[in-house]
Amino acid sequence: MKQRPAMARSAPPAVPPPPPGPPLGPLRLGQLAVGAAFWLTVAAHRYEGAAHFALFAAVLVWLLTLGLFGMSALGRWELVPWLGSRWLLANLAHDLLLGVGLCAAAAGIMGHKAGQKSYCNLPGYSQRCLYGAYLGAAVCGAVAACLYLFSGLYCLARRCRDQRDIV
C-alpha cells in the first residue's frame, strides 16, 4: 500500500478589509492641505518654547496622514504588518487619538501664544508682530482637528455598522 505524503496545512487566506470608503478621500486631502498650512505657518515664523511641540505634533500627524492616504489610495494596506488586517481600526485610532488629540493640543498652544502676543496688534507698535502668524496657526490647527474628528466619527460609524452586520 502506497502512503500519500502528508500535505502541509496552510492558513486560510486573509480577507483584506474593505477600503476606507469614498468620503474618507476628500477628508484626507483636506487634512493634508490644512495640516500643511498649519505646520508651514508655525515653521515659517520664529517659534520658541511650547511651539516646538506644536510643530512636532503637526508634522508627525501630517506625515502619518500622508502615509495612510497613500496606502489607502494605492490599495496597499495589506502590506502593513499587523495593521493591514485592522486597517479601519488603524484609521480610527489615527484620526481620533493622534489627529484630534495632537492637533487640538497644538492649536491650543498656538492660540495661547497668540493671546500672549495680542499687544503687538496695536496700530502704533513698530516691532515685528507674530500675533497674526500664531493666530493663523491656531485656526489651521483647529480646522485640522475638526477634519480629523469628522473622519474619525465616519470610521467609527463604519466600524460599528460592519460589526453589526457580522453578528
Protein backbone atom coordinates (compact mmCIF):
# COMPACT_ATOMS: atom_id res chain seq x y z
CA MET A 1 0.00 0.00 0.00
CA LYS A 2 1.35 3.36 -1.04
CA GLN A 3 1.33 6.14 1.51
CA ARG A 4 0.40 9.57 0.43
CA PRO A 5 2.72 12.36 1.52
CA ALA A 6 1.35 14.47 4.30
CA MET A 7 0.06 17.72 2.97
CA ALA A 8 1.08 20.82 4.80
CA ARG A 9 -1.81 22.73 6.22
CA SER A 10 -1.95 26.28 5.13
CA ALA A 11 -3.81 29.02 6.84
CA PRO A 12 -6.88 30.25 5.05
CA PRO A 13 -6.14 33.34 3.03
CA ALA A 14 -6.72 36.51 4.96
CA VAL A 15 -9.56 38.52 3.59
CA PRO A 16 -8.41 42.08 3.13
CA PRO A 17 -10.61 44.67 4.78
CA PRO A 18 -12.71 46.86 2.58
CA PRO A 19 -11.13 50.15 1.60
CA PRO A 20 -11.88 53.03 3.96
CA GLY A 21 -14.58 54.43 1.67
CA PRO A 22 -15.21 57.33 -0.67
CA PRO A 23 -15.96 60.09 1.92
CA LEU A 24 -12.61 59.49 3.56
CA GLY A 25 -10.62 60.50 0.44
CA PRO A 26 -11.72 64.16 0.33
CA LEU A 27 -11.41 64.39 4.11
CA ARG A 28 -7.82 63.10 3.92
CA LEU A 29 -7.00 65.61 1.20
CA GLY A 30 -8.45 68.38 3.35
CA GLN A 31 -6.46 67.15 6.34
CA LEU A 32 -3.28 67.16 4.26
CA ALA A 33 -3.90 70.66 2.91
CA VAL A 34 -4.89 72.23 6.25
CA GLY A 35 -2.20 70.28 8.10
CA ALA A 36 0.46 71.53 5.69
CA ALA A 37 -0.78 75.10 6.14
CA PHE A 38 -0.64 74.56 9.91
CA TRP A 39 2.92 73.32 10.19
CA LEU A 40 4.22 75.65 7.47
CA THR A 41 2.75 78.62 9.30
CA VAL A 42 4.45 77.58 12.52
CA ALA A 43 7.75 76.71 10.84
CA ALA A 44 7.94 79.86 8.73
CA HIS A 45 7.94 82.17 11.74
CA ARG A 46 10.09 82.42 14.80
CA TYR A 47 8.95 79.96 17.40
CA GLU A 48 10.09 79.13 20.89
CA GLY A 49 9.01 77.16 23.93
CA ALA A 50 5.88 75.10 23.51
CA ALA A 51 5.64 76.00 19.83
CA HIS A 52 8.35 73.35 19.28
CA PHE A 53 5.86 70.72 20.45
CA ALA A 54 3.14 72.24 18.24
CA LEU A 55 5.42 71.98 15.22
CA PHE A 56 6.43 68.41 16.10
CA ALA A 57 2.80 67.36 16.58
CA ALA A 58 1.66 69.00 13.34
CA VAL A 59 4.42 67.44 11.25
CA LEU A 60 4.00 64.00 12.85
CA VAL A 61 0.26 63.88 12.24
CA TRP A 62 0.69 65.27 8.72
CA LEU A 63 3.29 62.62 7.79
CA LEU A 64 1.18 59.79 9.22
CA THR A 65 -1.86 61.09 7.34
CA LEU A 66 0.17 61.22 4.14
CA GLY A 67 1.19 57.60 4.69
CA LEU A 68 -2.38 56.46 5.40
CA PHE A 69 -3.69 58.32 2.38
CA GLY A 70 -1.02 56.88 0.11
CA MET A 71 -1.54 53.31 1.29
CA SER A 72 -5.33 53.64 1.00
CA ALA A 73 -5.19 55.27 -2.43
CA LEU A 74 -2.89 52.56 -3.76
CA GLY A 75 -4.86 49.78 -2.05
CA ARG A 76 -1.72 48.50 -0.33
CA TRP A 77 -2.87 48.48 3.30
CA GLU A 78 -2.47 44.69 3.47
CA LEU A 79 1.30 45.16 3.14
CA VAL A 80 1.49 46.86 6.54
CA PRO A 81 2.36 44.22 9.14
CA TRP A 82 -0.21 43.76 11.89
CA LEU A 83 -2.24 46.81 10.82
CA GLY A 84 -3.19 45.56 7.35
CA SER A 85 -5.95 43.32 8.64
CA ARG A 86 -7.13 46.05 11.01
CA TRP A 87 -6.97 48.95 8.56
CA LEU A 88 -10.25 50.58 9.55
CA LEU A 89 -9.27 50.36 13.22
CA ALA A 90 -5.85 51.87 12.40
CA ASN A 91 -7.56 54.78 10.61
CA LEU A 92 -9.92 55.22 13.54
CA ALA A 93 -7.08 55.31 16.09
CA HIS A 94 -5.05 57.67 13.92
CA ASP A 95 -7.92 60.09 13.47
CA LEU A 96 -9.33 60.19 16.98
CA LEU A 97 -6.23 59.68 19.11
CA LEU A 98 -3.43 61.24 17.11
CA GLY A 99 -5.26 63.60 14.78
CA VAL A 100 -7.77 65.15 17.15
CA GLY A 101 -5.58 64.91 20.24
CA LEU A 102 -2.35 66.32 18.85
CA CYS A 103 -3.93 68.90 16.54
CA ALA A 104 -6.20 70.21 19.29
CA ALA A 105 -3.25 70.42 21.71
CA ALA A 106 -1.09 72.18 19.13
CA ALA A 107 -3.93 74.57 18.23
CA GLY A 108 -4.38 75.34 21.93
CA ILE A 109 -0.67 76.07 22.30
CA MET A 110 -0.66 78.38 19.30
CA GLY A 111 -3.85 80.08 20.49
CA HIS A 112 -2.27 80.68 23.88
CA LYS A 113 0.83 82.13 22.19
CA ALA A 114 -1.41 84.38 20.06
CA GLY A 115 -3.06 85.62 23.24
CA GLN A 116 0.34 86.41 24.70
CA LYS A 117 1.27 88.43 21.60
CA SER A 118 -2.05 90.27 21.25
CA TYR A 119 -0.50 93.52 22.48
CA CYS A 120 1.57 93.86 19.32
CA ASN A 121 -1.53 94.10 17.16
CA LEU A 122 -1.92 97.77 18.11
CA PRO A 123 -1.56 100.39 15.35
CA GLY A 124 1.47 102.16 16.84
CA TYR A 125 3.56 99.04 17.53
CA SER A 126 6.71 99.15 15.40
CA GLN A 127 8.38 95.78 16.18
CA ARG A 128 7.79 92.57 14.27
CA CYS A 129 4.47 91.06 15.37
CA LEU A 130 3.87 87.31 15.47
CA TYR A 131 0.24 87.64 16.54
CA GLY A 132 -1.13 87.03 13.03
CA ALA A 133 1.10 84.00 12.46
CA TYR A 134 0.20 82.43 15.79
CA LEU A 135 -3.49 83.13 15.29
CA GLY A 136 -3.40 81.70 11.76
CA ALA A 137 -1.65 78.58 13.02
CA ALA A 138 -4.22 78.18 15.80
CA VAL A 139 -7.09 78.44 13.32
CA CYS A 140 -5.46 75.93 10.95
CA GLY A 141 -4.87 73.55 13.85
CA ALA A 142 -8.48 73.82 15.00
CA VAL A 143 -9.81 73.21 11.48
CA ALA A 144 -7.47 70.22 11.12
CA ALA A 145 -8.68 68.82 14.46
CA CYS A 146 -12.30 69.15 13.26
CA LEU A 147 -11.48 67.35 10.00
CA TYR A 148 -9.83 64.53 11.96
CA LEU A 149 -12.87 64.37 14.22
CA PHE A 150 -15.21 64.06 11.22
CA SER A 151 -13.14 61.30 9.62
CA GLY A 152 -12.77 59.52 12.96
CA LEU A 153 -16.52 59.58 13.51
CA TYR A 154 -17.03 58.28 9.98
CA CYS A 155 -14.61 55.39 10.63
CA LEU A 156 -16.30 54.69 13.96
CA ALA A 157 -19.75 54.60 12.36
CA ARG A 158 -18.47 52.34 9.62
CA ARG A 159 -16.80 50.02 12.11
CA CYS A 160 -19.99 49.81 14.18
CA ARG A 161 -22.04 49.11 11.07
CA ASP A 162 -19.61 46.38 9.96
CA GLN A 163 -19.64 44.82 13.44
CA ARG A 164 -23.44 44.84 13.46
CA ASP A 165 -23.55 43.13 10.04
CA ILE A 166 -21.27 40.35 11.28
CA VAL A 167 -23.40 39.49 14.34
